[in-house]
C-alpha atoms as a PDB file:
ATOM      1  CA  MET A   1      52.782 -95.281 -18.096  1.00  0.00           C
ATOM      2  CA  PRO A   2      55.156 -92.617 -16.775  1.00  0.00           C
ATOM      3  CA  ALA A   3      53.954 -89.148 -15.939  1.00  0.00           C
ATOM      4  CA  GLU A   4      54.203 -86.799 -18.889  1.00  0.00           C
ATOM      5  CA  GLY A   5      56.888 -84.802 -17.117  1.00  0.00           C
ATOM      6  CA  SER A   6      59.216 -87.805 -16.899  1.00  0.00           C
ATOM      7  CA  PRO A   7      62.285 -87.840 -19.183  1.00  0.00           C
ATOM      8  CA  GLN A   8      61.390 -88.441 -22.814  1.00  0.00           C
ATOM      9  CA  ALA A   9      63.198 -90.040 -25.737  1.00  0.00           C
ATOM     10  CA  ARG A  10      61.144 -88.238 -28.375  1.00  0.00           C
ATOM     11  CA  LEU A  11      57.838 -86.624 -29.271  1.00  0.00           C
ATOM     12  CA  TRP A  12      55.564 -87.971 -32.013  1.00  0.00           C
ATOM     13  CA  VAL A  13      53.384 -85.882 -34.339  1.00  0.00           C
ATOM     14  CA  ALA A  14      51.287 -86.764 -37.405  1.00  0.00           C
ATOM     15  CA  TRP A  15      51.152 -84.464 -40.423  1.00  0.00           C
ATOM     16  CA  PRO A  16      47.754 -83.115 -41.593  1.00  0.00           C
ATOM     17  CA  THR A  17      46.978 -84.770 -44.892  1.00  0.00           C
ATOM     18  CA  GLY A  18      43.414 -84.034 -45.992  1.00  0.00           C
ATOM     19  CA  GLY A  19      39.752 -83.558 -45.192  1.00  0.00           C
ATOM     20  CA  TYR A  20      38.540 -81.174 -42.510  1.00  0.00           C
ATOM     21  CA  THR A  21      41.994 -81.109 -40.908  1.00  0.00           C
ATOM     22  CA  LEU A  22      43.443 -79.300 -43.903  1.00  0.00           C
ATOM     23  CA  GLY A  23      40.247 -77.446 -44.708  1.00  0.00           C
ATOM     24  CA  GLY A  24      38.581 -76.576 -47.978  1.00  0.00           C
ATOM     25  CA  THR A  25      40.870 -73.847 -49.288  1.00  0.00           C
ATOM     26  CA  ALA A  26      44.559 -73.325 -49.956  1.00  0.00           C
ATOM     27  CA  VAL A  27      44.658 -70.701 -47.204  1.00  0.00           C
ATOM     28  CA  GLU A  28      43.155 -73.115 -44.660  1.00  0.00           C
ATOM     29  CA  ALA A  29      45.614 -75.832 -45.687  1.00  0.00           C
ATOM     30  CA  GLU A  30      48.539 -73.458 -45.275  1.00  0.00           C
ATOM     31  CA  THR A  31      47.301 -72.474 -41.811  1.00  0.00           C
ATOM     32  CA  ALA A  32      47.003 -76.115 -40.762  1.00  0.00           C
ATOM     33  CA  ARG A  33      50.475 -77.024 -41.994  1.00  0.00           C
ATOM     34  CA  ARG A  34      52.111 -74.031 -40.358  1.00  0.00           C
ATOM     35  CA  THR A  35      50.377 -74.729 -37.046  1.00  0.00           C
ATOM     36  CA  TRP A  36      51.300 -78.422 -36.914  1.00  0.00           C
ATOM     37  CA  ALA A  37      54.842 -77.494 -37.950  1.00  0.00           C
ATOM     38  CA  ALA A  38      55.056 -74.801 -35.266  1.00  0.00           C
ATOM     39  CA  VAL A  39      54.381 -77.383 -32.561  1.00  0.00           C
ATOM     40  CA  ALA A  40      56.820 -79.953 -33.981  1.00  0.00           C
ATOM     41  CA  ASN A  41      59.546 -77.370 -34.564  1.00  0.00           C
ATOM     42  CA  ALA A  42      59.147 -75.913 -31.077  1.00  0.00           C
ATOM     43  CA  ALA A  43      59.554 -79.365 -29.524  1.00  0.00           C
ATOM     44  CA  ALA A  44      62.568 -80.116 -31.739  1.00  0.00           C
ATOM     45  CA  GLU A  45      64.457 -77.370 -29.920  1.00  0.00           C
ATOM     46  CA  TYR A  46      64.427 -79.582 -26.818  1.00  0.00           C
ATOM     47  CA  GLN A  47      64.361 -83.223 -27.894  1.00  0.00           C
ATOM     48  CA  PRO A  48      64.072 -85.588 -30.880  1.00  0.00           C
ATOM     49  CA  VAL A  49      60.788 -85.410 -32.799  1.00  0.00           C
ATOM     50  CA  SER A  50      59.267 -87.891 -35.233  1.00  0.00           C
ATOM     51  CA  VAL A  51      56.500 -86.920 -37.659  1.00  0.00           C
ATOM     52  CA  VAL A  52      54.327 -89.490 -39.415  1.00  0.00           C
ATOM     53  CA  VAL A  53      53.598 -88.277 -42.943  1.00  0.00           C
ATOM     54  CA  HIS A  54      51.411 -89.638 -45.733  1.00  0.00           C
ATOM     55  CA  PRO A  55      53.718 -90.711 -48.608  1.00  0.00           C
ATOM     56  CA  ARG A  56      52.264 -88.050 -50.912  1.00  0.00           C
ATOM     57  CA  ASP A  57      53.180 -85.302 -48.419  1.00  0.00           C
ATOM     58  CA  VAL A  58      56.779 -86.175 -47.551  1.00  0.00           C
ATOM     59  CA  SER A  59      58.485 -83.557 -49.696  1.00  0.00           C
ATOM     60  CA  LEU A  60      55.855 -80.980 -48.764  1.00  0.00           C
ATOM     61  CA  ALA A  61      56.205 -81.601 -45.031  1.00  0.00           C
ATOM     62  CA  ARG A  62      59.973 -81.358 -45.201  1.00  0.00           C
ATOM     63  CA  ARG A  63      59.669 -77.750 -46.368  1.00  0.00           C
ATOM     64  CA  TYR A  64      57.872 -76.822 -43.150  1.00  0.00           C
ATOM     65  CA  LEU A  65      59.733 -78.971 -40.623  1.00  0.00           C
ATOM     66  CA  ASP A  66      63.098 -78.575 -38.935  1.00  0.00           C
ATOM     67  CA  SER A  67      65.758 -80.654 -40.670  1.00  0.00           C
ATOM     68  CA  ALA A  68      66.483 -82.495 -37.407  1.00  0.00           C
ATOM     69  CA  ILE A  69      62.974 -83.991 -37.343  1.00  0.00           C
ATOM     70  CA  THR A  70      62.643 -87.623 -38.427  1.00  0.00           C
ATOM     71  CA  LEU A  71      59.912 -88.432 -40.937  1.00  0.00           C
ATOM     72  CA  HIS A  72      58.089 -91.785 -41.109  1.00  0.00           C
ATOM     73  CA  ASP A  73      55.957 -92.231 -44.211  1.00  0.00           C
ATOM     74  CA  ARG A  74      52.817 -94.331 -44.205  1.00  0.00           C
ATOM     75  CA  GLU A  75      49.208 -93.832 -45.160  1.00  0.00           C
ATOM     76  CA  ILE A  76      47.210 -92.046 -42.477  1.00  0.00           C
ATOM     77  CA  ASP A  77      43.695 -90.646 -42.334  1.00  0.00           C
ATOM     78  CA  ASP A  78      44.019 -87.869 -39.792  1.00  0.00           C
ATOM     79  CA  ALA A  79      46.536 -85.974 -37.679  1.00  0.00           C
ATOM     80  CA  TRP A  80      45.476 -86.548 -34.054  1.00  0.00           C
ATOM     81  CA  ILE A  81      48.264 -88.946 -33.123  1.00  0.00           C
ATOM     82  CA  ARG A  82      47.522 -88.777 -29.399  1.00  0.00           C
ATOM     83  CA  ASP A  83      44.333 -90.683 -30.154  1.00  0.00           C
ATOM     84  CA  SER A  84      45.134 -92.946 -33.084  1.00  0.00           C
ATOM     85  CA  GLY A  85      48.720 -93.722 -32.116  1.00  0.00           C
ATOM     86  CA  ALA A  86      50.355 -95.876 -29.480  1.00  0.00           C
ATOM     87  CA  THR A  87      50.510 -95.035 -25.787  1.00  0.00           C
ATOM     88  CA  PHE A  88      54.053 -95.713 -24.608  1.00  0.00           C
ATOM     89  CA  VAL A  89      54.851 -97.433 -21.323  1.00  0.00           C
ATOM     90  CA  VAL A  90      57.929 -98.731 -19.497  1.00  0.00           C
ATOM     91  CA  ASP A  91      58.564-102.029 -17.722  1.00  0.00           C
ATOM     92  CA  ASP A  92      59.459-101.534 -14.064  1.00  0.00           C
ATOM     93  CA  GLU A  93      60.772-105.091 -13.826  1.00  0.00           C
ATOM     94  CA  ARG A  94      62.867-104.897 -17.009  1.00  0.00           C
ATOM     95  CA  PRO A  95      64.782-101.629 -17.129  1.00  0.00           C
ATOM     96  CA  GLY A  96      65.418-100.460 -20.660  1.00  0.00           C
ATOM     97  CA  VAL A  97      62.325-102.128 -22.138  1.00  0.00           C
ATOM     98  CA  LEU A  98      59.844 -99.835 -23.881  1.00  0.00           C
ATOM     99  CA  GLY A  99      56.255-100.914 -24.409  1.00  0.00           C
ATOM    100  CA  ALA A 100      53.569 -99.550 -26.720  1.00  0.00           C
ATOM    101  CA  VAL A 101      49.904-100.017 -25.888  1.00  0.00           C
ATOM    102  CA  THR A 102      47.886-100.467 -29.069  1.00  0.00           C
ATOM    103  CA  TRP A 103      44.335 -99.522 -28.188  1.00  0.00           C
ATOM    104  CA  VAL A 104      41.516-100.176 -30.632  1.00  0.00           C
ATOM    105  CA  PHE A 105      40.873 -96.920 -32.491  1.00  0.00           C
ATOM    106  CA  ASN A 106      37.449 -96.588 -34.140  1.00  0.00           C
ATOM    107  CA  GLY A 107      37.134 -92.929 -34.996  1.00  0.00           C
ATOM    108  CA  TRP A 108      36.112 -91.668 -31.558  1.00  0.00           C
ATOM    109  CA  GLY A 109      33.226 -94.066 -31.260  1.00  0.00           C
ATOM    110  CA  GLU A 110      32.485 -94.700 -34.950  1.00  0.00           C
ATOM    111  CA  GLN A 111      31.474 -91.125 -35.632  1.00  0.00           C
ATOM    112  CA  ASP A 112      30.002 -90.682 -39.103  1.00  0.00           C
ATOM    113  CA  TRP A 113      32.385 -87.867 -40.066  1.00  0.00           C
ATOM    114  CA  ALA A 114      35.543 -89.769 -39.135  1.00  0.00           C
ATOM    115  CA  GLU A 115      37.769 -91.996 -41.271  1.00  0.00           C
ATOM    116  CA  TRP A 116      40.105 -94.462 -39.587  1.00  0.00           C
ATOM    117  CA  GLY A 117      40.908 -97.247 -42.051  1.00  0.00           C
ATOM    118  CA  HIS A 118      44.637 -96.441 -41.968  1.00  0.00           C
ATOM    119  CA  ASP A 119      44.772 -94.874 -38.502  1.00  0.00           C
ATOM    120  CA  ALA A 120      43.431 -98.069 -36.925  1.00  0.00           C
ATOM    121  CA  SER A 121      46.825 -99.673 -37.604  1.00  0.00           C
ATOM    122  CA  LEU A 122      49.013 -96.662 -36.783  1.00  0.00           C
ATOM    123  CA  ALA A 123      49.767 -97.732 -33.207  1.00  0.00           C
ATOM    124  CA  PRO A 124      51.444-101.031 -34.210  1.00  0.00           C
ATOM    125  CA  ALA A 125      53.501 -99.142 -36.773  1.00  0.00           C
ATOM    126  CA  MET A 126      54.661 -96.684 -34.125  1.00  0.00           C
ATOM    127  CA  ALA A 127      55.626 -99.581 -31.859  1.00  0.00           C
ATOM    128  CA  GLU A 128      57.802-101.004 -34.614  1.00  0.00           C
ATOM    129  CA  TRP A 129      59.456 -97.680 -35.410  1.00  0.00           C
ATOM    130  CA  ALA A 130      60.166 -97.077 -31.722  1.00  0.00           C
ATOM    131  CA  GLY A 131      61.511-100.588 -31.141  1.00  0.00           C
ATOM    132  CA  ALA A 132      58.835-101.158 -28.499  1.00  0.00           C
ATOM    133  CA  GLU A 133      57.153-104.339 -27.350  1.00  0.00           C
ATOM    134  CA  ARG A 134      53.475-104.285 -28.250  1.00  0.00           C
ATOM    135  CA  VAL A 135      50.904-104.403 -25.479  1.00  0.00           C
ATOM    136  CA  ASP A 136      47.773-105.117 -27.491  1.00  0.00           C
ATOM    137  CA  SER A 137      44.429-104.189 -26.005  1.00  0.00           C
ATOM    138  CA  ALA A 138      40.831-104.846 -27.008  1.00  0.00           C
ATOM    139  CA  LEU A 139      39.755-101.652 -25.223  1.00  0.00           C
ATOM    140  CA  VAL A 140      38.541 -98.909 -27.535  1.00  0.00           C
ATOM    141  CA  ASN A 141      40.409 -95.945 -26.149  1.00  0.00           C
ATOM    142  CA  GLU A 142      42.434 -92.907 -27.129  1.00  0.00           C
ATOM    143  CA  GLY A 143      45.443 -91.249 -25.565  1.00  0.00           C
ATOM    144  CA  GLY A 144      43.473 -88.032 -25.146  1.00  0.00           C
ATOM    145  CA  GLY A 145      41.052 -89.934 -22.936  1.00  0.00           C
ATOM    146  CA  ILE A 146      43.589 -90.606 -20.169  1.00  0.00           C
ATOM    147  CA  HIS A 147      45.959 -88.646 -17.958  1.00  0.00           C
ATOM    148  CA  VAL A 148      48.245 -90.333 -15.418  1.00  0.00           C
ATOM    149  CA  ASP A 149      50.541 -89.357 -12.571  1.00  0.00           C
ATOM    150  CA  GLY A 150      52.959 -92.260 -13.083  1.00  0.00           C
ATOM    151  CA  LEU A 151      52.176 -93.572  -9.608  1.00  0.00           C
ATOM    152  CA  GLY A 152      49.040 -95.537 -10.445  1.00  0.00           C
ATOM    153  CA  THR A 153      46.425 -92.796 -10.848  1.00  0.00           C
ATOM    154  CA  VAL A 154      44.506 -92.245 -14.085  1.00  0.00           C
ATOM    155  CA  LEU A 155      41.871 -89.659 -14.998  1.00  0.00           C
ATOM    156  CA  VAL A 156      39.110 -90.910 -17.312  1.00  0.00           C
ATOM    157  CA  THR A 157      35.577 -89.864 -18.292  1.00  0.00           C
ATOM    158  CA  GLU A 158      32.329 -91.786 -18.251  1.00  0.00           C
ATOM    159  CA  THR A 159      31.505 -90.563 -21.762  1.00  0.00           C
ATOM    160  CA  VAL A 160      34.685 -91.919 -23.369  1.00  0.00           C
ATOM    161  CA  GLN A 161      35.735 -95.296 -22.012  1.00  0.00           C
ATOM    162  CA  ARG A 162      32.097 -96.240 -21.355  1.00  0.00           C
ATOM    163  CA  ASP A 163      30.771 -94.688 -24.538  1.00  0.00           C
ATOM    164  CA  PRO A 164      28.265 -97.043 -26.265  1.00  0.00           C
ATOM    165  CA  GLY A 165      30.121 -96.370 -29.512  1.00  0.00           C
ATOM    166  CA  ARG A 166      33.378 -97.539 -27.974  1.00  0.00           C
ATOM    167  CA  ASN A 167      32.884-100.134 -25.242  1.00  0.00           C
ATOM    168  CA  PRO A 168      29.134-100.764 -24.961  1.00  0.00           C
ATOM    169  CA  THR A 169      29.388-103.839 -22.757  1.00  0.00           C
ATOM    170  CA  LEU A 170      32.011-102.631 -20.272  1.00  0.00           C
ATOM    171  CA  GLY A 171      31.399-101.249 -16.810  1.00  0.00           C
ATOM    172  CA  ARG A 172      33.824 -99.285 -14.701  1.00  0.00           C
ATOM    173  CA  HIS A 173      35.412-102.392 -13.236  1.00  0.00           C
ATOM    174  CA  GLU A 174      36.205-103.981 -16.604  1.00  0.00           C
ATOM    175  CA  VAL A 175      37.731-100.734 -17.887  1.00  0.00           C
ATOM    176  CA  GLU A 176      39.808-100.323 -14.733  1.00  0.00           C
ATOM    177  CA  VAL A 177      41.140-103.880 -14.945  1.00  0.00           C
ATOM    178  CA  GLU A 178      42.326-103.270 -18.497  1.00  0.00           C
ATOM    179  CA  LEU A 179      43.896 -99.921 -17.623  1.00  0.00           C
ATOM    180  CA  ALA A 180      45.784-101.616 -14.804  1.00  0.00           C
ATOM    181  CA  ARG A 181      47.023-104.338 -17.159  1.00  0.00           C
ATOM    182  CA  THR A 182      48.087-102.009 -19.948  1.00  0.00           C
ATOM    183  CA  ILE A 183      49.318 -98.768 -18.378  1.00  0.00           C
ATOM    184  CA  GLY A 184      49.721 -99.817 -14.743  1.00  0.00           C
ATOM    185  CA  ALA A 185      46.995 -97.465 -13.509  1.00  0.00           C
ATOM    186  CA  GLU A 186      45.360 -99.098 -10.513  1.00  0.00           C
ATOM    187  CA  HIS A 187      43.293 -96.139  -9.298  1.00  0.00           C
ATOM    188  CA  ALA A 188      40.861 -94.499 -11.713  1.00  0.00           C
ATOM    189  CA  ILE A 189      39.127 -91.189 -11.109  1.00  0.00           C
ATOM    190  CA  TRP A 190      35.982 -90.993 -13.219  1.00  0.00           C
ATOM    191  CA  LEU A 191      34.931 -87.562 -14.396  1.00  0.00           C
ATOM    192  CA  PRO A 192      31.268 -87.338 -15.425  1.00  0.00           C
ATOM    193  CA  ARG A 193      31.868 -85.811 -18.870  1.00  0.00           C
ATOM    194  CA  GLY A 194      33.993 -83.445 -20.938  1.00  0.00           C
ATOM    195  CA  LEU A 195      33.437 -79.927 -22.225  1.00  0.00           C
ATOM    196  CA  SER A 196      30.317 -78.958 -24.148  1.00  0.00           C
ATOM    197  CA  ARG A 197      31.774 -78.389 -27.624  1.00  0.00           C
ATOM    198  CA  ASP A 198      33.851 -81.542 -27.339  1.00  0.00           C
ATOM    199  CA  SER A 199      30.556 -83.341 -26.746  1.00  0.00           C
ATOM    200  CA  ASP A 200      28.940 -81.929 -29.892  1.00  0.00           C
ATOM    201  CA  ALA A 201      28.742 -83.707 -33.253  1.00  0.00           C
ATOM    202  CA  TYR A 202      32.386 -83.162 -34.165  1.00  0.00           C
ATOM    203  CA  GLY A 203      33.961 -83.723 -30.754  1.00  0.00           C
ATOM    204  CA  THR A 204      35.531 -86.687 -28.998  1.00  0.00           C
ATOM    205  CA  ARG A 205      32.591 -87.086 -26.597  1.00  0.00           C
ATOM    206  CA  GLY A 206      34.586 -85.931 -23.624  1.00  0.00           C
ATOM    207  CA  HIS A 207      38.362 -86.284 -23.628  1.00  0.00           C
ATOM    208  CA  VAL A 208      39.972 -85.539 -20.299  1.00  0.00           C
ATOM    209  CA  ASP A 209      43.034 -83.833 -21.780  1.00  0.00           C
ATOM    210  CA  ILE A 210      41.083 -80.664 -22.422  1.00  0.00           C
ATOM    211  CA  VAL A 211      39.607 -80.633 -18.907  1.00  0.00           C
ATOM    212  CA  ALA A 212      42.216 -81.640 -16.336  1.00  0.00           C
ATOM    213  CA  THR A 213      45.775 -82.896 -16.059  1.00  0.00           C
ATOM    214  CA  ILE A 214      48.086 -84.020 -13.272  1.00  0.00           C
ATOM    215  CA  ALA A 215      51.014 -81.613 -13.366  1.00  0.00           C
ATOM    216  CA  SER A 216      52.892 -83.480 -10.639  1.00  0.00           C
ATOM    217  CA  PRO A 217      51.933 -86.065  -8.000  1.00  0.00           C
ATOM    218  CA  GLY A 218      49.030 -84.650  -6.023  1.00  0.00           C
ATOM    219  CA  VAL A 219      48.719 -81.477  -8.128  1.00  0.00           C
ATOM    220  CA  LEU A 220      45.888 -81.066 -10.649  1.00  0.00           C
ATOM    221  CA  LEU A 221      45.465 -78.358 -13.245  1.00  0.00           C
ATOM    222  CA  LEU A 222      41.755 -77.839 -13.930  1.00  0.00           C
ATOM    223  CA  HIS A 223      40.075 -75.932 -16.754  1.00  0.00           C
ATOM    224  CA  ASP A 224      37.991 -73.264 -15.064  1.00  0.00           C
ATOM    225  CA  GLN A 225      35.261 -71.601 -17.088  1.00  0.00           C
ATOM    226  CA  GLY A 226      34.282 -68.762 -14.807  1.00  0.00           C
ATOM    227  CA  ASN A 227      31.876 -67.009 -17.151  1.00  0.00           C
ATOM    228  CA  SER A 228      28.326 -68.105 -16.385  1.00  0.00           C
ATOM    229  CA  ARG A 229      27.259 -67.310 -19.954  1.00  0.00           C
ATOM    230  CA  HIS A 230      29.306 -70.261 -21.210  1.00  0.00           C
ATOM    231  CA  PRO A 231      27.742 -73.741 -20.808  1.00  0.00           C
ATOM    232  CA  ASP A 232      31.074 -75.094 -19.565  1.00  0.00           C
ATOM    233  CA  ALA A 233      30.747 -73.028 -16.372  1.00  0.00           C
ATOM    234  CA  LEU A 234      28.383 -75.598 -14.851  1.00  0.00           C
ATOM    235  CA  ILE A 235      30.389 -78.508 -16.265  1.00  0.00           C
ATOM    236  CA  THR A 236      33.727 -77.422 -14.836  1.00  0.00           C
ATOM    237  CA  ALA A 237      32.147 -76.595 -11.494  1.00  0.00           C
ATOM    238  CA  LYS A 238      30.764 -80.144 -11.285  1.00  0.00           C
ATOM    239  CA  ILE A 239      34.111 -81.645 -12.292  1.00  0.00           C
ATOM    240  CA  ARG A 240      35.820 -79.552  -9.623  1.00  0.00           C
ATOM    241  CA  THR A 241      33.502 -81.045  -7.000  1.00  0.00           C
ATOM    242  CA  VAL A 242      34.384 -84.578  -8.136  1.00  0.00           C
ATOM    243  CA  LEU A 243      38.120 -83.876  -8.046  1.00  0.00           C
ATOM    244  CA  ALA A 244      37.926 -82.102  -4.678  1.00  0.00           C
ATOM    245  CA  GLU A 245      36.456 -85.277  -3.184  1.00  0.00           C
ATOM    246  CA  ALA A 246      38.953 -87.603  -4.892  1.00  0.00           C
ATOM    247  CA  ASN A 247      42.227 -89.071  -3.688  1.00  0.00           C
ATOM    248  CA  ASP A 248      45.139 -90.279  -5.770  1.00  0.00           C
ATOM    249  CA  ALA A 249      46.557 -93.810  -5.799  1.00  0.00           C
ATOM    250  CA  ARG A 250      48.481 -93.030  -2.604  1.00  0.00           C
ATOM    251  CA  GLY A 251      45.249 -92.101  -0.834  1.00  0.00           C
ATOM    252  CA  LEU A 252      46.117 -88.400  -0.752  1.00  0.00           C
ATOM    253  CA  PRO A 253      43.851 -85.519  -1.768  1.00  0.00           C
ATOM    254  CA  PHE A 254      44.748 -83.266  -4.674  1.00  0.00           C
ATOM    255  CA  GLU A 255      45.803 -79.675  -4.698  1.00  0.00           C
ATOM    256  CA  ILE A 256      43.648 -78.194  -7.467  1.00  0.00           C
ATOM    257  CA  ILE A 257      45.072 -75.281  -9.434  1.00  0.00           C
ATOM    258  CA  ASP A 258      42.567 -73.489 -11.627  1.00  0.00           C
ATOM    259  CA  LEU A 259      43.627 -72.701 -15.181  1.00  0.00           C
ATOM    260  CA  PRO A 260      41.130 -69.968 -16.098  1.00  0.00           C
ATOM    261  CA  ALA A 261      39.535 -70.363 -19.509  1.00  0.00           C
ATOM    262  CA  PRO A 262      40.310 -67.726 -22.139  1.00  0.00           C
ATOM    263  CA  GLN A 263      37.983 -64.738 -22.098  1.00  0.00           C
ATOM    264  CA  THR A 264      36.924 -65.570 -25.654  1.00  0.00           C
ATOM    265  CA  LEU A 265      33.556 -67.312 -25.433  1.00  0.00           C
ATOM    266  CA  ARG A 266      32.524 -67.919 -29.033  1.00  0.00           C
ATOM    267  CA  ASP A 267      33.756 -68.321 -32.561  1.00  0.00           C
ATOM    268  CA  ALA A 268      31.830 -68.612 -35.827  1.00  0.00           C
ATOM    269  CA  ASP A 269      30.563 -72.067 -34.844  1.00  0.00           C
ATOM    270  CA  GLY A 270      29.364 -71.318 -31.314  1.00  0.00           C
ATOM    271  CA  PHE A 271      30.804 -71.597 -27.821  1.00  0.00           C
ATOM    272  CA  VAL A 272      34.515 -72.462 -27.938  1.00  0.00           C
ATOM    273  CA  ASP A 273      36.313 -75.092 -25.892  1.00  0.00           C
ATOM    274  CA  TYR A 274      39.623 -73.200 -25.817  1.00  0.00           C
ATOM    275  CA  SER A 275      41.641 -74.643 -22.944  1.00  0.00           C
ATOM    276  CA  TYR A 276      45.139 -74.068 -21.603  1.00  0.00           C
ATOM    277  CA  VAL A 277      44.993 -77.566 -20.083  1.00  0.00           C
ATOM    278  CA  ASN A 278      45.674 -79.015 -23.532  1.00  0.00           C
ATOM    279  CA  HIS A 279      49.442 -78.469 -23.409  1.00  0.00           C
ATOM    280  CA  VAL A 280      52.211 -81.050 -23.767  1.00  0.00           C
ATOM    281  CA  VAL A 281      55.111 -81.421 -21.333  1.00  0.00           C
ATOM    282  CA  ILE A 282      58.485 -82.300 -22.871  1.00  0.00           C
ATOM    283  CA  ASN A 283      62.099 -82.270 -21.723  1.00  0.00           C
ATOM    284  CA  ASN A 284      62.804 -78.887 -20.127  1.00  0.00           C
ATOM    285  CA  ALA A 285      59.762 -77.233 -21.689  1.00  0.00           C
ATOM    286  CA  VAL A 286      55.997 -77.030 -21.983  1.00  0.00           C
ATOM    287  CA  ILE A 287      54.458 -76.427 -25.403  1.00  0.00           C
ATOM    288  CA  ALA A 288      51.374 -74.438 -24.460  1.00  0.00           C
ATOM    289  CA  CYS A 289      48.271 -73.161 -26.212  1.00  0.00           C
ATOM    290  CA  SER A 290      47.740 -69.459 -26.772  1.00  0.00           C
ATOM    291  CA  PHE A 291      44.628 -67.859 -28.236  1.00  0.00           C
ATOM    292  CA  ASP A 292      45.509 -64.167 -28.747  1.00  0.00           C
ATOM    293  CA  ASP A 293      43.456 -63.698 -25.594  1.00  0.00           C
ATOM    294  CA  ALA A 294      43.812 -61.434 -22.585  1.00  0.00           C
ATOM    295  CA  GLN A 295      44.155 -64.540 -20.416  1.00  0.00           C
ATOM    296  CA  ASP A 296      47.217 -65.899 -22.267  1.00  0.00           C
ATOM    297  CA  ALA A 297      49.770 -64.211 -20.025  1.00  0.00           C
ATOM    298  CA  ASP A 298      48.161 -65.382 -16.787  1.00  0.00           C
ATOM    299  CA  ALA A 299      47.901 -68.937 -18.100  1.00  0.00           C
ATOM    300  CA  THR A 300      51.586 -68.903 -19.046  1.00  0.00           C
ATOM    301  CA  ALA A 301      52.489 -67.761 -15.551  1.00  0.00           C
ATOM    302  CA  ILE A 302      50.403 -70.534 -13.962  1.00  0.00           C
ATOM    303  CA  LEU A 303      52.003 -73.155 -16.195  1.00  0.00           C
ATOM    304  CA  ARG A 304      55.470 -71.824 -15.408  1.00  0.00           C
ATOM    305  CA  ASP A 305      54.769 -72.192 -11.679  1.00  0.00           C
ATOM    306  CA  ALA A 306      53.247 -75.648 -12.132  1.00  0.00           C
ATOM    307  CA  TYR A 307      56.269 -76.905 -14.070  1.00  0.00           C
ATOM    308  CA  PRO A 308      59.274 -75.277 -12.380  1.00  0.00           C
ATOM    309  CA  GLY A 309      62.487 -75.350 -14.363  1.00  0.00           C
ATOM    310  CA  ARG A 310      60.723 -75.688 -17.719  1.00  0.00           C
ATOM    311  CA  GLU A 311      60.388 -73.018 -20.342  1.00  0.00           C
ATOM    312  CA  VAL A 312      56.824 -72.347 -21.472  1.00  0.00           C
ATOM    313  CA  VAL A 313      56.666 -72.006 -25.264  1.00  0.00           C
ATOM    314  CA  SER A 314      53.321 -70.789 -26.587  1.00  0.00           C
ATOM    315  CA  VAL A 315      51.849 -71.621 -29.992  1.00  0.00           C
ATOM    316  CA  ASP A 316      48.641 -70.111 -31.350  1.00  0.00           C
ATOM    317  CA  ALA A 317      46.273 -73.062 -31.024  1.00  0.00           C
ATOM    318  CA  ARG A 318      43.160 -71.512 -32.521  1.00  0.00           C
ATOM    319  CA  PRO A 319      43.618 -73.334 -35.850  1.00  0.00           C
ATOM    320  CA  LEU A 320      43.869 -76.624 -33.938  1.00  0.00           C
ATOM    321  CA  PHE A 321      40.760 -76.025 -31.860  1.00  0.00           C
ATOM    322  CA  ALA A 322      38.851 -74.952 -34.977  1.00  0.00           C
ATOM    323  CA  ARG A 323      39.616 -78.426 -36.331  1.00  0.00           C
ATOM    324  CA  GLY A 324      38.671 -80.271 -33.140  1.00  0.00           C
ATOM    325  CA  GLY A 325      41.694 -80.481 -30.849  1.00  0.00           C
ATOM    326  CA  GLY A 326      44.739 -78.835 -29.362  1.00  0.00           C
ATOM    327  CA  ILE A 327      48.475 -79.206 -28.854  1.00  0.00           C
ATOM    328  CA  HIS A 328      48.207 -82.258 -26.588  1.00  0.00           C
ATOM    329  CA  CYS A 329      45.936 -83.904 -29.153  1.00  0.00           C
ATOM    330  CA  ILE A 330      48.479 -83.699 -31.989  1.00  0.00           C
ATOM    331  CA  THR A 331      51.426 -85.021 -29.954  1.00  0.00           C
ATOM    332  CA  GLN A 332      52.413 -88.217 -28.138  1.00  0.00           C
ATOM    333  CA  GLN A 333      55.414 -88.534 -25.869  1.00  0.00           C
ATOM    334  CA  GLN A 334      57.749 -91.515 -25.865  1.00  0.00           C
ATOM    335  CA  PRO A 335      59.392 -91.969 -22.467  1.00  0.00           C
ATOM    336  CA  ALA A 336      63.098 -92.525 -22.080  1.00  0.00           C
ATOM    337  CA  VAL A 337      64.112 -96.018 -20.913  1.00  0.00           C
END
């Protein structure tokens, strides 16, 4: 699996189609559609974009999306394509060959609020659309549960890959063997957990892509909740200790760059998990989360320094986080081959 900053052929998005993702009112549905469209349209300024749309929403989605965006219609349950869709890989021994890892998707550990009857087969469909060779896996996993550096390092969390609702019989070794086989990651760094709200009833139980990412080989961006009133302050401090003691696949320590959490601590449902870590890197740009927060400008500056030569394009991600994810969660990159 190449690093996210490697050249890309396209970016994939799924269109919000119903349930909590759209919300219970026409106003909430409009907000969801405009937010998903804002991310897809921003990316379309830099590279090809494909959006998977439920057949009943094709004409509707087209009104929101840039005309250059390709639509693929099929039945879907939800709009978090990073998790339900394929994870794309390349073949080092066969240049030009694209692979698509089809993890088992079971609604983030068979959570009682989730529906995944159609999404469970989305990854194979994406492989076919992309002209990729399938790399089928029996591991229950989601794309938001991994981050790689393209050199053999992968970040994972104990509460995702070893979640009893996902892989109850697997230990670290078995998970690592499968990650090596599927995405070529031969050195796993295990974080103890994810953020507090993401571990609540409607979270993923600890996805890494809201906590930390590898911006470039040896350089980590880490969510830093510096306000002791927020429960994530203790969590991110513990994760920082783990990462400070870790080496990458080359045996080298990481430079850790703190991405301070927004100053906003709560919304109507409790402590927020707003995180600037949940951005997506594309060709010549970074599509980044903003929160109408005093910290937005500083976060943009940090991201600009971490990804030199790329424009940082901010999208208000509060509607995404209110529904359980962020910009990285609704996108999936397809590497160029």
